Amino acid sequence: MLRVPRSGQQARERLQRAALELYRERGFDRTTTAEIARRAGVSERTFFHHFPDKREVLFAGQDRLRDLLVPAVRDAPYGLGPLGVLLRAFRSIESVMEEGRSYAQPRHELVASTPTLRERETAKLASLADAMADALQERGVAGQRAVLAAHAAMTAFDLAVVAWYEQPAAGLGARLRDAFDDLHGLALEDPDPTT
């Protein structure tokens, strides 16, 4: 029997949780959109109303991150360097990351073990980094420097989140600081030891 969710957001969340459960139980390739809809208690038509395909159901949160991170980059105080702006933006979503951890951590493990999903994740993170690079450019950071900073910072963020999933006691903020300290350290190293 189909249970009609009271809101579109409830339906989306139920579909996301159902998909994650089924992908973990049966594998991504062996799960259909009809099965996800049935597990969520909605019609398959409702699934496609919210998500274009069975991969995208796991990546809907990326839009929310973009909506939070890009304005955080644009609105950061002037006087910070590009990496400082980006670290501040990532720190601004710590509470959102904490709230979503019960879903995001098993989702990360599934994505990491599924090549099709890893490919989508890589593309999504690159797109998010591009949006942040655009926001840096709006702040006056030159094109190549903005792109380099945003993509390097996105990699640092991703590594920090994985470290936080593996050892949550230190907190995401500490993991972000560690990753950005490593990034700064790399920037200070002589890129050509022969000079």
C-alpha atoms as a PDB file:
ATOM      1  CA  MET A   1       0.000   0.000   0.000  1.00  0.00           C
ATOM      2  CA  LEU A   2       1.321   3.433  -0.934  1.00  0.00           C
ATOM      3  CA  ARG A   3       1.694   5.938   1.888  1.00  0.00           C
ATOM      4  CA  VAL A   4       1.299   9.433   0.551  1.00  0.00           C
ATOM      5  CA  PRO A   5       3.885  11.752   2.107  1.00  0.00           C
ATOM      6  CA  ARG A   6       2.574  15.078   3.324  1.00  0.00           C
ATOM      7  CA  SER A   7       5.154  17.085   1.411  1.00  0.00           C
ATOM      8  CA  GLY A   8       7.475  16.838  -1.555  1.00  0.00           C
ATOM      9  CA  GLN A   9      10.432  17.128   0.801  1.00  0.00           C
ATOM     10  CA  GLN A  10       9.213  14.132   2.812  1.00  0.00           C
ATOM     11  CA  ALA A  11       8.868  12.104  -0.384  1.00  0.00           C
ATOM     12  CA  ARG A  12      12.403  13.058  -1.474  1.00  0.00           C
ATOM     13  CA  GLU A  13      13.868  12.093   1.887  1.00  0.00           C
ATOM     14  CA  ARG A  14      12.017   8.774   1.949  1.00  0.00           C
ATOM     15  CA  LEU A  15      13.182   7.985  -1.566  1.00  0.00           C
ATOM     16  CA  GLN A  16      16.779   8.850  -0.666  1.00  0.00           C
ATOM     17  CA  ARG A  17      16.727   6.642   2.433  1.00  0.00           C
ATOM     18  CA  ALA A  18      14.997   3.793   0.592  1.00  0.00           C
ATOM     19  CA  ALA A  19      17.542   3.950  -2.232  1.00  0.00           C
ATOM     20  CA  LEU A  20      20.463   3.928   0.165  1.00  0.00           C
ATOM     21  CA  GLU A  21      19.025   0.968   2.081  1.00  0.00           C
ATOM     22  CA  LEU A  22      18.393  -1.038  -1.085  1.00  0.00           C
ATOM     23  CA  TYR A  23      21.739  -0.207  -2.662  1.00  0.00           C
ATOM     24  CA  ARG A  24      23.495  -1.379   0.493  1.00  0.00           C
ATOM     25  CA  GLU A  25      21.375  -4.537   0.728  1.00  0.00           C
ATOM     26  CA  ARG A  26      21.293  -5.581  -2.927  1.00  0.00           C
ATOM     27  CA  GLY A  27      23.861  -3.461  -4.728  1.00  0.00           C
ATOM     28  CA  PHE A  28      23.354  -0.440  -6.950  1.00  0.00           C
ATOM     29  CA  ASP A  29      23.168  -2.375 -10.214  1.00  0.00           C
ATOM     30  CA  ARG A  30      20.585  -4.882  -8.935  1.00  0.00           C
ATOM     31  CA  THR A  31      18.155  -2.258  -7.603  1.00  0.00           C
ATOM     32  CA  THR A  32      15.437  -0.683  -9.748  1.00  0.00           C
ATOM     33  CA  THR A  33      13.633   2.622  -9.392  1.00  0.00           C
ATOM     34  CA  ALA A  34      10.362   0.693  -8.958  1.00  0.00           C
ATOM     35  CA  GLU A  35      11.831  -1.115  -5.946  1.00  0.00           C
ATOM     36  CA  ILE A  36      13.049   2.151  -4.451  1.00  0.00           C
ATOM     37  CA  ALA A  37       9.610   3.722  -4.886  1.00  0.00           C
ATOM     38  CA  ARG A  38       7.904   0.678  -3.381  1.00  0.00           C
ATOM     39  CA  ARG A  39      10.257   0.735  -0.351  1.00  0.00           C
ATOM     40  CA  ALA A  40       9.562   4.470   0.112  1.00  0.00           C
ATOM     41  CA  GLY A  41       5.803   3.904  -0.155  1.00  0.00           C
ATOM     42  CA  VAL A  42       5.332   6.077  -3.239  1.00  0.00           C
ATOM     43  CA  SER A  43       4.765   5.479  -6.935  1.00  0.00           C
ATOM     44  CA  GLU A  44       7.574   5.145  -9.457  1.00  0.00           C
ATOM     45  CA  ARG A  45       6.153   8.261 -11.109  1.00  0.00           C
ATOM     46  CA  THR A  46       6.823  10.126  -7.847  1.00  0.00           C
ATOM     47  CA  PHE A  47      10.419   8.890  -7.954  1.00  0.00           C
ATOM     48  CA  PHE A  48      10.898  10.408 -11.412  1.00  0.00           C
ATOM     49  CA  HIS A  49       9.156  13.589 -10.330  1.00  0.00           C
ATOM     50  CA  HIS A  50      12.002  14.119  -7.850  1.00  0.00           C
ATOM     51  CA  PHE A  51      15.020  12.440  -9.486  1.00  0.00           C
ATOM     52  CA  PRO A  52      15.994  11.910 -13.136  1.00  0.00           C
ATOM     53  CA  ASP A  53      17.672   8.538 -12.514  1.00  0.00           C
ATOM     54  CA  LYS A  54      18.653   6.082  -9.828  1.00  0.00           C
ATOM     55  CA  ARG A  55      22.135   7.585  -9.420  1.00  0.00           C
ATOM     56  CA  GLU A  56      20.898  11.105  -8.816  1.00  0.00           C
ATOM     57  CA  VAL A  57      18.810  10.059  -5.818  1.00  0.00           C
ATOM     58  CA  LEU A  58      22.083   9.861  -3.850  1.00  0.00           C
ATOM     59  CA  PHE A  59      23.377  13.264  -4.978  1.00  0.00           C
ATOM     60  CA  ALA A  60      20.487  15.624  -4.265  1.00  0.00           C
ATOM     61  CA  GLY A  61      22.316  17.026  -1.222  1.00  0.00           C
ATOM     62  CA  GLN A  62      24.983  18.502  -3.481  1.00  0.00           C
ATOM     63  CA  ASP A  63      22.533  21.194  -4.593  1.00  0.00           C
ATOM     64  CA  ARG A  64      22.007  22.195  -0.977  1.00  0.00           C
ATOM     65  CA  LEU A  65      25.774  22.392  -0.444  1.00  0.00           C
ATOM     66  CA  ARG A  66      26.104  24.638  -3.489  1.00  0.00           C
ATOM     67  CA  ASP A  67      23.308  26.871  -2.185  1.00  0.00           C
ATOM     68  CA  LEU A  68      25.154  27.241   1.132  1.00  0.00           C
ATOM     69  CA  LEU A  69      28.789  27.362   0.016  1.00  0.00           C
ATOM     70  CA  VAL A  70      28.628  29.771  -2.914  1.00  0.00           C
ATOM     71  CA  PRO A  71      27.010  32.609  -0.899  1.00  0.00           C
ATOM     72  CA  ALA A  72      29.439  31.891   1.956  1.00  0.00           C
ATOM     73  CA  VAL A  73      32.320  32.478  -0.466  1.00  0.00           C
ATOM     74  CA  ARG A  74      30.725  35.624  -1.896  1.00  0.00           C
ATOM     75  CA  ASP A  75      29.928  37.064   1.539  1.00  0.00           C
ATOM     76  CA  ALA A  76      33.217  36.288   3.316  1.00  0.00           C
ATOM     77  CA  PRO A  77      35.006  39.311   4.766  1.00  0.00           C
ATOM     78  CA  TYR A  78      37.499  40.967   2.468  1.00  0.00           C
ATOM     79  CA  GLY A  79      41.122  40.699   3.507  1.00  0.00           C
ATOM     80  CA  LEU A  80      41.107  36.895   3.542  1.00  0.00           C
ATOM     81  CA  GLY A  81      43.086  35.027   0.906  1.00  0.00           C
ATOM     82  CA  PRO A  82      41.289  32.562  -1.373  1.00  0.00           C
ATOM     83  CA  LEU A  83      42.028  29.538   0.821  1.00  0.00           C
ATOM     84  CA  GLY A  84      40.950  31.440   3.925  1.00  0.00           C
ATOM     85  CA  VAL A  85      37.666  32.311   2.237  1.00  0.00           C
ATOM     86  CA  LEU A  86      37.109  28.704   1.231  1.00  0.00           C
ATOM     87  CA  LEU A  87      37.965  27.316   4.667  1.00  0.00           C
ATOM     88  CA  ARG A  88      35.547  29.787   6.215  1.00  0.00           C
ATOM     89  CA  ALA A  89      32.851  28.671   3.743  1.00  0.00           C
ATOM     90  CA  PHE A  90      33.389  25.008   4.592  1.00  0.00           C
ATOM     91  CA  ARG A  91      33.364  25.781   8.313  1.00  0.00           C
ATOM     92  CA  SER A  92      29.997  27.502   7.825  1.00  0.00           C
ATOM     93  CA  ILE A  93      28.352  24.186   6.888  1.00  0.00           C
ATOM     94  CA  GLU A  94      29.687  22.116   9.784  1.00  0.00           C
ATOM     95  CA  SER A  95      26.283  21.958  11.495  1.00  0.00           C
ATOM     96  CA  VAL A  96      24.603  20.866   8.241  1.00  0.00           C
ATOM     97  CA  MET A  97      27.200  18.136   7.850  1.00  0.00           C
ATOM     98  CA  GLU A  98      26.679  17.017  11.446  1.00  0.00           C
ATOM     99  CA  GLU A  99      22.895  16.873  10.977  1.00  0.00           C
ATOM    100  CA  GLY A 100      23.200  14.772   7.824  1.00  0.00           C
ATOM    101  CA  ARG A 101      25.930  12.442   8.984  1.00  0.00           C
ATOM    102  CA  SER A 102      23.697   9.408   9.663  1.00  0.00           C
ATOM    103  CA  TYR A 103      22.789   9.396   5.965  1.00  0.00           C
ATOM    104  CA  ALA A 104      25.993  10.820   4.491  1.00  0.00           C
ATOM    105  CA  GLN A 105      28.474   8.392   6.004  1.00  0.00           C
ATOM    106  CA  PRO A 106      26.871   5.172   4.698  1.00  0.00           C
ATOM    107  CA  ARG A 107      26.207   6.995   1.420  1.00  0.00           C
ATOM    108  CA  HIS A 108      29.925   7.811   1.186  1.00  0.00           C
ATOM    109  CA  GLU A 109      30.856   4.159   1.805  1.00  0.00           C
ATOM    110  CA  LEU A 110      28.454   3.031  -0.918  1.00  0.00           C
ATOM    111  CA  VAL A 111      29.741   5.616  -3.408  1.00  0.00           C
ATOM    112  CA  ALA A 112      33.358   4.709  -2.662  1.00  0.00           C
ATOM    113  CA  SER A 113      32.666   1.044  -3.429  1.00  0.00           C
ATOM    114  CA  THR A 114      30.614   1.582  -6.620  1.00  0.00           C
ATOM    115  CA  PRO A 115      32.507   2.791  -9.738  1.00  0.00           C
ATOM    116  CA  THR A 116      29.404   4.275 -11.423  1.00  0.00           C
ATOM    117  CA  LEU A 117      28.619   6.306  -8.324  1.00  0.00           C
ATOM    118  CA  ARG A 118      32.258   7.349  -7.804  1.00  0.00           C
ATOM    119  CA  GLU A 119      32.265   8.777 -11.315  1.00  0.00           C
ATOM    120  CA  ARG A 120      29.114  10.789 -10.594  1.00  0.00           C
ATOM    121  CA  GLU A 121      30.551  11.983  -7.265  1.00  0.00           C
ATOM    122  CA  THR A 122      33.736  13.190  -8.973  1.00  0.00           C
ATOM    123  CA  ALA A 123      31.718  15.145 -11.524  1.00  0.00           C
ATOM    124  CA  LYS A 124      29.472  16.651  -8.838  1.00  0.00           C
ATOM    125  CA  LEU A 125      32.412  17.751  -6.677  1.00  0.00           C
ATOM    126  CA  ALA A 126      34.141  19.277  -9.713  1.00  0.00           C
ATOM    127  CA  SER A 127      30.972  21.196 -10.560  1.00  0.00           C
ATOM    128  CA  LEU A 128      30.720  22.453  -6.982  1.00  0.00           C
ATOM    129  CA  ALA A 129      34.380  23.507  -7.066  1.00  0.00           C
ATOM    130  CA  ASP A 130      33.734  25.367 -10.346  1.00  0.00           C
ATOM    131  CA  ALA A 131      30.828  27.249  -8.749  1.00  0.00           C
ATOM    132  CA  MET A 132      33.051  28.224  -5.826  1.00  0.00           C
ATOM    133  CA  ALA A 133      35.789  29.314  -8.260  1.00  0.00           C
ATOM    134  CA  ASP A 134      33.238  31.551  -9.986  1.00  0.00           C
ATOM    135  CA  ALA A 135      32.337  33.077  -6.608  1.00  0.00           C
ATOM    136  CA  LEU A 136      36.040  33.691  -5.906  1.00  0.00           C
ATOM    137  CA  GLN A 137      36.379  35.412  -9.274  1.00  0.00           C
ATOM    138  CA  GLU A 138      33.436  37.647  -8.393  1.00  0.00           C
ATOM    139  CA  ARG A 139      35.530  38.668  -5.370  1.00  0.00           C
ATOM    140  CA  GLY A 140      38.402  39.631  -7.666  1.00  0.00           C
ATOM    141  CA  VAL A 141      40.547  36.494  -7.513  1.00  0.00           C
ATOM    142  CA  ALA A 142      42.176  35.948 -10.925  1.00  0.00           C
ATOM    143  CA  GLY A 143      40.783  33.089 -13.036  1.00  0.00           C
ATOM    144  CA  GLN A 144      43.462  30.405 -12.762  1.00  0.00           C
ATOM    145  CA  ARG A 145      44.157  31.154  -9.098  1.00  0.00           C
ATOM    146  CA  ALA A 146      40.430  30.944  -8.312  1.00  0.00           C
ATOM    147  CA  VAL A 147      40.056  27.608 -10.097  1.00  0.00           C
ATOM    148  CA  LEU A 148      43.201  26.173  -8.499  1.00  0.00           C
ATOM    149  CA  ALA A 149      42.185  27.332  -5.020  1.00  0.00           C
ATOM    150  CA  ALA A 150      38.620  26.031  -5.335  1.00  0.00           C
ATOM    151  CA  HIS A 151      39.589  22.614  -6.659  1.00  0.00           C
ATOM    152  CA  ALA A 152      42.423  22.167  -4.159  1.00  0.00           C
ATOM    153  CA  ALA A 153      40.133  23.270  -1.327  1.00  0.00           C
ATOM    154  CA  MET A 154      37.398  20.880  -2.494  1.00  0.00           C
ATOM    155  CA  THR A 155      39.898  18.030  -2.354  1.00  0.00           C
ATOM    156  CA  ALA A 156      40.960  19.124   1.137  1.00  0.00           C
ATOM    157  CA  PHE A 157      37.311  19.290   2.192  1.00  0.00           C
ATOM    158  CA  ASP A 158      36.612  15.817   0.821  1.00  0.00           C
ATOM    159  CA  LEU A 159      39.648  14.360   2.632  1.00  0.00           C
ATOM    160  CA  ALA A 160      38.622  16.108   5.851  1.00  0.00           C
ATOM    161  CA  VAL A 161      35.107  14.689   5.658  1.00  0.00           C
ATOM    162  CA  VAL A 162      36.423  11.157   5.077  1.00  0.00           C
ATOM    163  CA  ALA A 163      38.824  11.521   8.037  1.00  0.00           C
ATOM    164  CA  TRP A 164      35.919  12.775  10.155  1.00  0.00           C
ATOM    165  CA  TYR A 165      33.774   9.797   9.154  1.00  0.00           C
ATOM    166  CA  GLU A 166      36.591   7.440  10.146  1.00  0.00           C
ATOM    167  CA  GLN A 167      37.371   9.185  13.456  1.00  0.00           C
ATOM    168  CA  PRO A 168      34.538  11.505  14.470  1.00  0.00           C
ATOM    169  CA  ALA A 169      35.798  12.368  17.953  1.00  0.00           C
ATOM    170  CA  ALA A 170      38.020  15.224  16.775  1.00  0.00           C
ATOM    171  CA  GLY A 171      35.129  16.886  14.955  1.00  0.00           C
ATOM    172  CA  LEU A 172      34.829  18.096  11.396  1.00  0.00           C
ATOM    173  CA  GLY A 173      36.267  21.529  12.196  1.00  0.00           C
ATOM    174  CA  ALA A 174      39.553  20.019  13.396  1.00  0.00           C
ATOM    175  CA  ARG A 175      39.709  17.790  10.331  1.00  0.00           C
ATOM    176  CA  LEU A 176      39.163  20.806   8.075  1.00  0.00           C
ATOM    177  CA  ARG A 177      41.920  22.762   9.815  1.00  0.00           C
ATOM    178  CA  ASP A 178      44.299  19.799   9.451  1.00  0.00           C
ATOM    179  CA  ALA A 179      43.539  19.402   5.742  1.00  0.00           C
ATOM    180  CA  PHE A 180      43.943  23.120   5.048  1.00  0.00           C
ATOM    181  CA  ASP A 181      47.165  23.212   7.093  1.00  0.00           C
ATOM    182  CA  ASP A 182      48.479  20.424   4.858  1.00  0.00           C
ATOM    183  CA  LEU A 183      47.384  22.388   1.808  1.00  0.00           C
ATOM    184  CA  HIS A 184      49.191  25.503   3.054  1.00  0.00           C
ATOM    185  CA  GLY A 185      52.258  23.400   3.823  1.00  0.00           C
ATOM    186  CA  LEU A 186      52.346  22.063   0.295  1.00  0.00           C
ATOM    187  CA  ALA A 187      52.101  25.589  -1.087  1.00  0.00           C
ATOM    188  CA  LEU A 188      55.149  26.632   0.947  1.00  0.00           C
ATOM    189  CA  GLU A 189      57.323  23.793  -0.340  1.00  0.00           C
ATOM    190  CA  ASP A 190      59.755  24.605  -3.140  1.00  0.00           C
ATOM    191  CA  PRO A 191      58.096  23.216  -6.284  1.00  0.00           C
ATOM    192  CA  ASP A 192      61.484  22.783  -8.040  1.00  0.00           C
ATOM    193  CA  PRO A 193      64.276  21.631  -5.718  1.00  0.00           C
ATOM    194  CA  THR A 194      66.871  22.237  -8.455  1.00  0.00           C
ATOM    195  CA  THR A 195      66.466  26.025  -8.295  1.00  0.00           C
END
